[in-house]
C-alpha atoms as a PDB file:
ATOM      1  CA  MET A   1     -18.003  63.956 -66.372  1.00  0.00           C
ATOM      2  CA  ILE A   2     -19.931  60.722 -66.826  1.00  0.00           C
ATOM      3  CA  ARG A   3     -19.697  58.584 -63.692  1.00  0.00           C
ATOM      4  CA  ALA A   4     -22.635  56.196 -64.145  1.00  0.00           C
ATOM      5  CA  VAL A   5     -24.359  54.369 -66.988  1.00  0.00           C
ATOM      6  CA  LEU A   6     -28.053  53.630 -66.496  1.00  0.00           C
ATOM      7  CA  PHE A   7     -29.570  50.871 -68.619  1.00  0.00           C
ATOM      8  CA  ASP A   8     -33.143  50.231 -69.585  1.00  0.00           C
ATOM      9  CA  MET A   9     -33.758  46.469 -69.507  1.00  0.00           C
ATOM     10  CA  ASP A  10     -36.393  45.211 -71.998  1.00  0.00           C
ATOM     11  CA  GLY A  11     -35.163  45.786 -75.524  1.00  0.00           C
ATOM     12  CA  THR A  12     -31.831  47.165 -74.337  1.00  0.00           C
ATOM     13  CA  LEU A  13     -30.243  44.406 -72.243  1.00  0.00           C
ATOM     14  CA  ILE A  14     -32.614  41.547 -73.000  1.00  0.00           C
ATOM     15  CA  ASP A  15     -34.331  40.819 -76.304  1.00  0.00           C
ATOM     16  CA  THR A  16     -37.902  40.760 -75.023  1.00  0.00           C
ATOM     17  CA  GLU A  17     -39.622  43.711 -76.700  1.00  0.00           C
ATOM     18  CA  LYS A  18     -40.416  41.679 -79.816  1.00  0.00           C
ATOM     19  CA  TYR A  19     -42.325  39.223 -77.634  1.00  0.00           C
ATOM     20  CA  LEU A  20     -43.975  41.875 -75.488  1.00  0.00           C
ATOM     21  CA  THR A  21     -45.417  43.551 -78.575  1.00  0.00           C
ATOM     22  CA  ARG A  22     -46.497  40.202 -80.056  1.00  0.00           C
ATOM     23  CA  PHE A  23     -48.262  39.136 -76.881  1.00  0.00           C
ATOM     24  CA  TRP A  24     -49.921  42.534 -76.358  1.00  0.00           C
ATOM     25  CA  ARG A  25     -51.574  42.017 -79.740  1.00  0.00           C
ATOM     26  CA  GLN A  26     -52.477  38.386 -79.057  1.00  0.00           C
ATOM     27  CA  ALA A  27     -53.969  39.173 -75.648  1.00  0.00           C
ATOM     28  CA  ALA A  28     -55.910  42.115 -77.070  1.00  0.00           C
ATOM     29  CA  ARG A  29     -57.290  39.934 -79.854  1.00  0.00           C
ATOM     30  CA  GLU A  30     -58.498  37.400 -77.292  1.00  0.00           C
ATOM     31  CA  TYR A  31     -60.440  40.251 -75.658  1.00  0.00           C
ATOM     32  CA  GLY A  32     -61.919  41.404 -78.959  1.00  0.00           C
ATOM     33  CA  VAL A  33     -59.564  44.344 -79.454  1.00  0.00           C
ATOM     34  CA  GLU A  34     -57.663  44.639 -82.734  1.00  0.00           C
ATOM     35  CA  MET A  35     -54.316  46.230 -81.904  1.00  0.00           C
ATOM     36  CA  THR A  36     -51.878  47.130 -84.671  1.00  0.00           C
ATOM     37  CA  ARG A  37     -48.142  46.593 -84.399  1.00  0.00           C
ATOM     38  CA  GLU A  38     -47.748  50.368 -84.069  1.00  0.00           C
ATOM     39  CA  ASP A  39     -50.222  50.363 -81.166  1.00  0.00           C
ATOM     40  CA  SER A  40     -48.136  47.742 -79.388  1.00  0.00           C
ATOM     41  CA  TYR A  41     -44.993  49.839 -79.910  1.00  0.00           C
ATOM     42  CA  VAL A  42     -46.594  52.736 -78.032  1.00  0.00           C
ATOM     43  CA  LEU A  43     -46.836  50.560 -74.913  1.00  0.00           C
ATOM     44  CA  ARG A  44     -43.071  49.991 -74.649  1.00  0.00           C
ATOM     45  CA  SER A  45     -41.773  51.267 -71.284  1.00  0.00           C
ATOM     46  CA  PHE A  46     -45.153  52.897 -70.696  1.00  0.00           C
ATOM     47  CA  ALA A  47     -46.202  52.877 -67.020  1.00  0.00           C
ATOM     48  CA  SER A  48     -49.548  51.116 -66.677  1.00  0.00           C
ATOM     49  CA  ARG A  49     -51.374  54.008 -65.004  1.00  0.00           C
ATOM     50  CA  TYR A  50     -50.705  56.161 -68.076  1.00  0.00           C
ATOM     51  CA  ALA A  51     -50.904  53.359 -70.622  1.00  0.00           C
ATOM     52  CA  SER A  52     -54.415  52.576 -69.380  1.00  0.00           C
ATOM     53  CA  VAL A  53     -55.531  56.125 -70.169  1.00  0.00           C
ATOM     54  CA  TRP A  54     -54.006  55.935 -73.644  1.00  0.00           C
ATOM     55  CA  PHE A  55     -55.617  52.514 -74.152  1.00  0.00           C
ATOM     56  CA  ARG A  56     -59.074  53.790 -73.225  1.00  0.00           C
ATOM     57  CA  GLU A  57     -58.726  56.783 -75.537  1.00  0.00           C
ATOM     58  CA  ARG A  58     -57.481  54.559 -78.383  1.00  0.00           C
ATOM     59  CA  PHE A  59     -59.904  51.628 -78.072  1.00  0.00           C
ATOM     60  CA  GLY A  60     -62.835  52.950 -76.080  1.00  0.00           C
ATOM     61  CA  ALA A  61     -64.056  52.753 -72.497  1.00  0.00           C
ATOM     62  CA  ASP A  62     -65.147  49.109 -72.840  1.00  0.00           C
ATOM     63  CA  ALA A  63     -61.651  47.850 -73.709  1.00  0.00           C
ATOM     64  CA  ASP A  64     -60.383  45.897 -70.692  1.00  0.00           C
ATOM     65  CA  TYR A  65     -56.827  47.197 -70.400  1.00  0.00           C
ATOM     66  CA  MET A  66     -56.051  45.465 -67.120  1.00  0.00           C
ATOM     67  CA  GLY A  67     -57.477  42.142 -68.277  1.00  0.00           C
ATOM     68  CA  ILE A  68     -55.476  42.330 -71.497  1.00  0.00           C
ATOM     69  CA  ARG A  69     -52.356  43.350 -69.599  1.00  0.00           C
ATOM     70  CA  GLU A  70     -52.636  40.377 -67.226  1.00  0.00           C
ATOM     71  CA  ARG A  71     -53.216  38.004 -70.134  1.00  0.00           C
ATOM     72  CA  ARG A  72     -50.164  39.458 -71.913  1.00  0.00           C
ATOM     73  CA  LYS A  73     -48.102  38.814 -68.789  1.00  0.00           C
ATOM     74  CA  GLU A  74     -49.312  35.187 -68.689  1.00  0.00           C
ATOM     75  CA  LEU A  75     -48.376  34.648 -72.326  1.00  0.00           C
ATOM     76  CA  MET A  76     -44.990  36.265 -71.833  1.00  0.00           C
ATOM     77  CA  LYS A  77     -44.246  34.264 -68.692  1.00  0.00           C
ATOM     78  CA  ARG A  78     -45.047  30.995 -70.436  1.00  0.00           C
ATOM     79  CA  HIS A  79     -42.913  31.876 -73.449  1.00  0.00           C
ATOM     80  CA  LEU A  80     -39.879  32.761 -71.323  1.00  0.00           C
ATOM     81  CA  GLU A  81     -40.252  29.625 -69.203  1.00  0.00           C
ATOM     82  CA  GLU A  82     -40.340  27.475 -72.339  1.00  0.00           C
ATOM     83  CA  ASN A  83     -37.696  29.310 -74.373  1.00  0.00           C
ATOM     84  CA  GLY A  84     -35.472  31.206 -71.948  1.00  0.00           C
ATOM     85  CA  ILE A  85     -34.402  34.852 -72.065  1.00  0.00           C
ATOM     86  CA  GLU A  86     -32.270  36.099 -74.925  1.00  0.00           C
ATOM     87  CA  LYS A  87     -29.629  38.726 -74.223  1.00  0.00           C
ATOM     88  CA  LYS A  88     -29.043  41.526 -76.681  1.00  0.00           C
ATOM     89  CA  PRO A  89     -25.798  41.268 -78.683  1.00  0.00           C
ATOM     90  CA  TRP A  90     -22.570  42.378 -76.953  1.00  0.00           C
ATOM     91  CA  VAL A  91     -24.228  42.767 -73.539  1.00  0.00           C
ATOM     92  CA  ASP A  92     -21.658  40.920 -71.427  1.00  0.00           C
ATOM     93  CA  ALA A  93     -18.608  42.417 -73.133  1.00  0.00           C
ATOM     94  CA  THR A  94     -20.084  45.909 -72.826  1.00  0.00           C
ATOM     95  CA  LEU A  95     -20.984  45.609 -69.153  1.00  0.00           C
ATOM     96  CA  GLN A  96     -17.583  44.103 -68.366  1.00  0.00           C
ATOM     97  CA  ALA A  97     -15.758  46.903 -70.186  1.00  0.00           C
ATOM     98  CA  LEU A  98     -17.743  49.601 -68.390  1.00  0.00           C
ATOM     99  CA  ARG A  99     -17.118  47.973 -64.997  1.00  0.00           C
ATOM    100  CA  GLU A 100     -13.413  47.715 -65.693  1.00  0.00           C
ATOM    101  CA  ALA A 101     -13.379  51.380 -66.693  1.00  0.00           C
ATOM    102  CA  GLY A 102     -14.778  52.276 -63.264  1.00  0.00           C
ATOM    103  CA  TYR A 103     -18.322  53.345 -64.115  1.00  0.00           C
ATOM    104  CA  LEU A 104     -21.228  52.761 -61.768  1.00  0.00           C
ATOM    105  CA  LEU A 105     -23.971  50.738 -63.436  1.00  0.00           C
ATOM    106  CA  ALA A 106     -27.717  50.603 -62.792  1.00  0.00           C
ATOM    107  CA  VAL A 107     -30.828  49.165 -64.385  1.00  0.00           C
ATOM    108  CA  VAL A 108     -33.757  51.573 -64.739  1.00  0.00           C
ATOM    109  CA  THR A 109     -36.834  49.702 -65.900  1.00  0.00           C
ATOM    110  CA  ALA A 110     -40.612  49.733 -66.116  1.00  0.00           C
ATOM    111  CA  THR A 111     -40.588  46.058 -65.049  1.00  0.00           C
ATOM    112  CA  ASP A 112     -41.288  45.299 -61.382  1.00  0.00           C
ATOM    113  CA  GLU A 113     -38.386  44.450 -59.065  1.00  0.00           C
ATOM    114  CA  GLU A 114     -39.169  40.737 -58.670  1.00  0.00           C
ATOM    115  CA  ARG A 115     -39.153  40.067 -62.413  1.00  0.00           C
ATOM    116  CA  THR A 116     -36.175  42.374 -62.950  1.00  0.00           C
ATOM    117  CA  ARG A 117     -34.087  40.377 -60.482  1.00  0.00           C
ATOM    118  CA  GLN A 118     -35.338  37.130 -61.950  1.00  0.00           C
ATOM    119  CA  TYR A 119     -34.440  38.097 -65.525  1.00  0.00           C
ATOM    120  CA  LEU A 120     -31.027  39.488 -64.626  1.00  0.00           C
ATOM    121  CA  THR A 121     -30.221  36.466 -62.482  1.00  0.00           C
ATOM    122  CA  GLN A 122     -31.261  34.022 -65.214  1.00  0.00           C
ATOM    123  CA  THR A 123     -29.073  35.815 -67.759  1.00  0.00           C
ATOM    124  CA  GLY A 124     -26.103  36.149 -65.386  1.00  0.00           C
ATOM    125  CA  MET A 125     -26.114  39.951 -65.515  1.00  0.00           C
ATOM    126  CA  LEU A 126     -27.158  40.785 -61.959  1.00  0.00           C
ATOM    127  CA  PRO A 127     -23.590  41.004 -60.504  1.00  0.00           C
ATOM    128  CA  TYR A 128     -22.681  43.797 -62.927  1.00  0.00           C
ATOM    129  CA  PHE A 129     -25.131  46.283 -61.426  1.00  0.00           C
ATOM    130  CA  ASP A 130     -24.776  48.543 -58.412  1.00  0.00           C
ATOM    131  CA  ARG A 131     -28.488  49.390 -58.294  1.00  0.00           C
ATOM    132  CA  LEU A 132     -31.796  48.163 -59.688  1.00  0.00           C
ATOM    133  CA  VAL A 133     -34.416  50.874 -60.014  1.00  0.00           C
ATOM    134  CA  CYS A 134     -37.969  50.032 -61.078  1.00  0.00           C
ATOM    135  CA  ALA A 135     -40.896  52.259 -61.979  1.00  0.00           C
ATOM    136  CA  THR A 136     -42.889  50.686 -59.126  1.00  0.00           C
ATOM    137  CA  MET A 137     -40.523  52.490 -56.712  1.00  0.00           C
ATOM    138  CA  VAL A 138     -41.669  55.974 -57.760  1.00  0.00           C
ATOM    139  CA  GLU A 139     -44.924  57.886 -58.158  1.00  0.00           C
ATOM    140  CA  ARG A 140     -44.777  58.140 -61.933  1.00  0.00           C
ATOM    141  CA  GLY A 141     -43.133  55.714 -64.340  1.00  0.00           C
ATOM    142  CA  LYS A 142     -41.791  56.320 -67.826  1.00  0.00           C
ATOM    143  CA  PRO A 143     -42.246  58.543 -69.849  1.00  0.00           C
ATOM    144  CA  TYR A 144     -42.108  60.807 -66.785  1.00  0.00           C
ATOM    145  CA  PRO A 145     -38.630  61.513 -65.396  1.00  0.00           C
ATOM    146  CA  ASP A 146     -39.258  60.328 -61.819  1.00  0.00           C
ATOM    147  CA  VAL A 147     -37.631  56.914 -62.193  1.00  0.00           C
ATOM    148  CA  TYR A 148     -34.425  58.426 -63.590  1.00  0.00           C
ATOM    149  CA  VAL A 149     -34.339  61.165 -60.966  1.00  0.00           C
ATOM    150  CA  TYR A 150     -34.643  58.444 -58.325  1.00  0.00           C
ATOM    151  CA  ALA A 151     -31.995  56.296 -60.016  1.00  0.00           C
ATOM    152  CA  CYS A 152     -29.496  59.165 -60.005  1.00  0.00           C
ATOM    153  CA  ASP A 153     -30.158  59.723 -56.308  1.00  0.00           C
ATOM    154  CA  GLN A 154     -29.783  56.009 -55.542  1.00  0.00           C
ATOM    155  CA  ILE A 155     -26.486  55.695 -57.359  1.00  0.00           C
ATOM    156  CA  GLY A 156     -25.170  58.945 -55.858  1.00  0.00           C
ATOM    157  CA  CYS A 157     -24.663  60.980 -59.041  1.00  0.00           C
ATOM    158  CA  ARG A 158     -26.127  64.127 -60.520  1.00  0.00           C
ATOM    159  CA  PRO A 159     -28.185  63.576 -63.692  1.00  0.00           C
ATOM    160  CA  SER A 160     -25.502  65.406 -65.666  1.00  0.00           C
ATOM    161  CA  GLU A 161     -23.055  62.694 -64.535  1.00  0.00           C
ATOM    162  CA  CYS A 162     -25.257  59.868 -65.844  1.00  0.00           C
ATOM    163  CA  LEU A 163     -25.669  58.390 -69.306  1.00  0.00           C
ATOM    164  CA  ALA A 164     -28.964  56.584 -69.912  1.00  0.00           C
ATOM    165  CA  VAL A 165     -29.087  53.809 -72.509  1.00  0.00           C
ATOM    166  CA  GLU A 166     -32.574  53.354 -73.959  1.00  0.00           C
ATOM    167  CA  ASP A 167     -34.207  51.619 -76.907  1.00  0.00           C
ATOM    168  CA  ALA A 168     -37.669  53.211 -77.013  1.00  0.00           C
ATOM    169  CA  PRO A 169     -39.242  56.693 -77.039  1.00  0.00           C
ATOM    170  CA  ASN A 170     -40.877  56.582 -73.595  1.00  0.00           C
ATOM    171  CA  GLY A 171     -37.550  55.732 -71.970  1.00  0.00           C
ATOM    172  CA  VAL A 172     -35.677  58.420 -73.887  1.00  0.00           C
ATOM    173  CA  ARG A 173     -38.224  61.022 -72.807  1.00  0.00           C
ATOM    174  CA  ALA A 174     -37.959  59.934 -69.173  1.00  0.00           C
ATOM    175  CA  ALA A 175     -34.162  60.075 -69.105  1.00  0.00           C
ATOM    176  CA  ALA A 176     -33.915  63.364 -70.978  1.00  0.00           C
ATOM    177  CA  GLY A 177     -36.590  64.877 -68.748  1.00  0.00           C
ATOM    178  CA  ALA A 178     -34.504  63.997 -65.696  1.00  0.00           C
ATOM    179  CA  GLY A 179     -31.510  65.824 -67.159  1.00  0.00           C
ATOM    180  CA  CYS A 180     -29.462  62.731 -67.989  1.00  0.00           C
ATOM    181  CA  HIS A 181     -27.362  62.325 -71.090  1.00  0.00           C
ATOM    182  CA  VAL A 182     -29.069  59.795 -73.356  1.00  0.00           C
ATOM    183  CA  VAL A 183     -27.884  57.374 -76.026  1.00  0.00           C
ATOM    184  CA  MET A 184     -30.419  55.329 -77.961  1.00  0.00           C
ATOM    185  CA  VAL A 185     -29.791  51.807 -79.178  1.00  0.00           C
ATOM    186  CA  PRO A 186     -32.973  51.276 -81.227  1.00  0.00           C
ATOM    187  CA  ASP A 187     -34.688  47.928 -81.007  1.00  0.00           C
ATOM    188  CA  LEU A 188     -37.997  47.831 -82.891  1.00  0.00           C
ATOM    189  CA  THR A 189     -38.147  51.432 -84.102  1.00  0.00           C
ATOM    190  CA  ALA A 190     -35.583  54.118 -84.850  1.00  0.00           C
ATOM    191  CA  ALA A 191     -35.557  57.620 -83.391  1.00  0.00           C
ATOM    192  CA  ASP A 192     -37.613  60.261 -85.176  1.00  0.00           C
ATOM    193  CA  GLU A 193     -36.590  63.910 -85.543  1.00  0.00           C
ATOM    194  CA  GLU A 194     -38.212  64.962 -82.260  1.00  0.00           C
ATOM    195  CA  LEU A 195     -36.509  62.181 -80.316  1.00  0.00           C
ATOM    196  CA  ARG A 196     -33.098  62.967 -81.803  1.00  0.00           C
ATOM    197  CA  THR A 197     -33.221  66.412 -80.191  1.00  0.00           C
ATOM    198  CA  MET A 198     -33.089  64.619 -76.816  1.00  0.00           C
ATOM    199  CA  LEU A 199     -30.172  62.328 -77.668  1.00  0.00           C
ATOM    200  CA  ASP A 200     -26.431  62.620 -77.242  1.00  0.00           C
ATOM    201  CA  GLY A 201     -26.067  59.814 -79.746  1.00  0.00           C
ATOM    202  CA  GLU A 202     -27.565  56.781 -81.438  1.00  0.00           C
ATOM    203  CA  LEU A 203     -25.783  53.428 -81.753  1.00  0.00           C
ATOM    204  CA  PRO A 204     -26.701  50.366 -83.832  1.00  0.00           C
ATOM    205  CA  ASP A 205     -25.911  48.005 -80.929  1.00  0.00           C
ATOM    206  CA  LEU A 206     -24.167  47.922 -77.542  1.00  0.00           C
ATOM    207  CA  LYS A 207     -20.753  47.053 -78.921  1.00  0.00           C
ATOM    208  CA  GLY A 208     -19.758  50.686 -79.416  1.00  0.00           C
ATOM    209  CA  LEU A 209     -21.047  51.934 -76.053  1.00  0.00           C
ATOM    210  CA  PRO A 210     -17.760  51.814 -74.075  1.00  0.00           C
ATOM    211  CA  ASP A 211     -16.003  53.863 -76.768  1.00  0.00           C
ATOM    212  CA  PHE A 212     -18.962  56.247 -76.918  1.00  0.00           C
ATOM    213  CA  VAL A 213     -18.725  56.873 -73.160  1.00  0.00           C
ATOM    214  CA  ARG A 214     -14.959  57.312 -73.401  1.00  0.00           C
ATOM    215  CA  ARG A 215     -15.344  59.894 -76.176  1.00  0.00           C
ATOM    216  CA  MET A 216     -17.897  61.783 -74.079  1.00  0.00           C
ATOM    217  CA  ARG A 217     -15.475  61.797 -71.157  1.00  0.00           C
ATOM    218  CA  ASP A 218     -12.605  62.985 -73.364  1.00  0.00           C
ATOM    219  CA  ARG A 219     -14.696  65.803 -74.858  1.00  0.00           C
ATOM    220  CA  GLU A 220     -15.779  66.975 -71.412  1.00  0.00           C
ATOM    221  CA  GLY A 221     -12.160  66.888 -70.253  1.00  0.00           C
ATOM    222  CA  GLN A 222     -11.234  69.319 -73.018  1.00  0.00           C
ATOM    223  CA  VAL A 223     -13.826  71.937 -71.995  1.00  0.00           C
END
């Protein structure tokens, strides 16, 4: 029985992935590294300690991952200060419906806690959530399952009682690896065949999520 819904943040609750990928490429270019759009997609929800290894293998030992990462953060911070944070469609109605239905709600994100609280406060979403769980709180971030294992413990549910909502492959792998049910709401890229083997479902947007959770609950009640 699903008791909790665990949300990724960037690309799932807030519409920031399109800017993150843009600014990864801009920052890399400033450092003399030509990053493709597909390269930038790989870095979504990718913990920095593992992303840095991938980056070195992809672009060579001289590529300054940490310098590029810090520059990307500067560019992103400036953009959000000037333009605000966009919420994904149907976010408020979905969170409200899930709260009213009695589900526990948590955010499970690769973003650090300070920025997570800042973003959720600015968008008015913070009061919806029972817990905020960030990859900085565990040994290994996404795509490893640690952050979801920790989130389940923090919210007081078994992984089998939790539904993770993710937009990107690294998050799906983390949630599935922890033993959670997973639904994908694709943002920049759709699920491939391998990823679909890890999913309980795929939705075009958040609008259908409350009904999806209800159908899962009804199916489990019939077993």
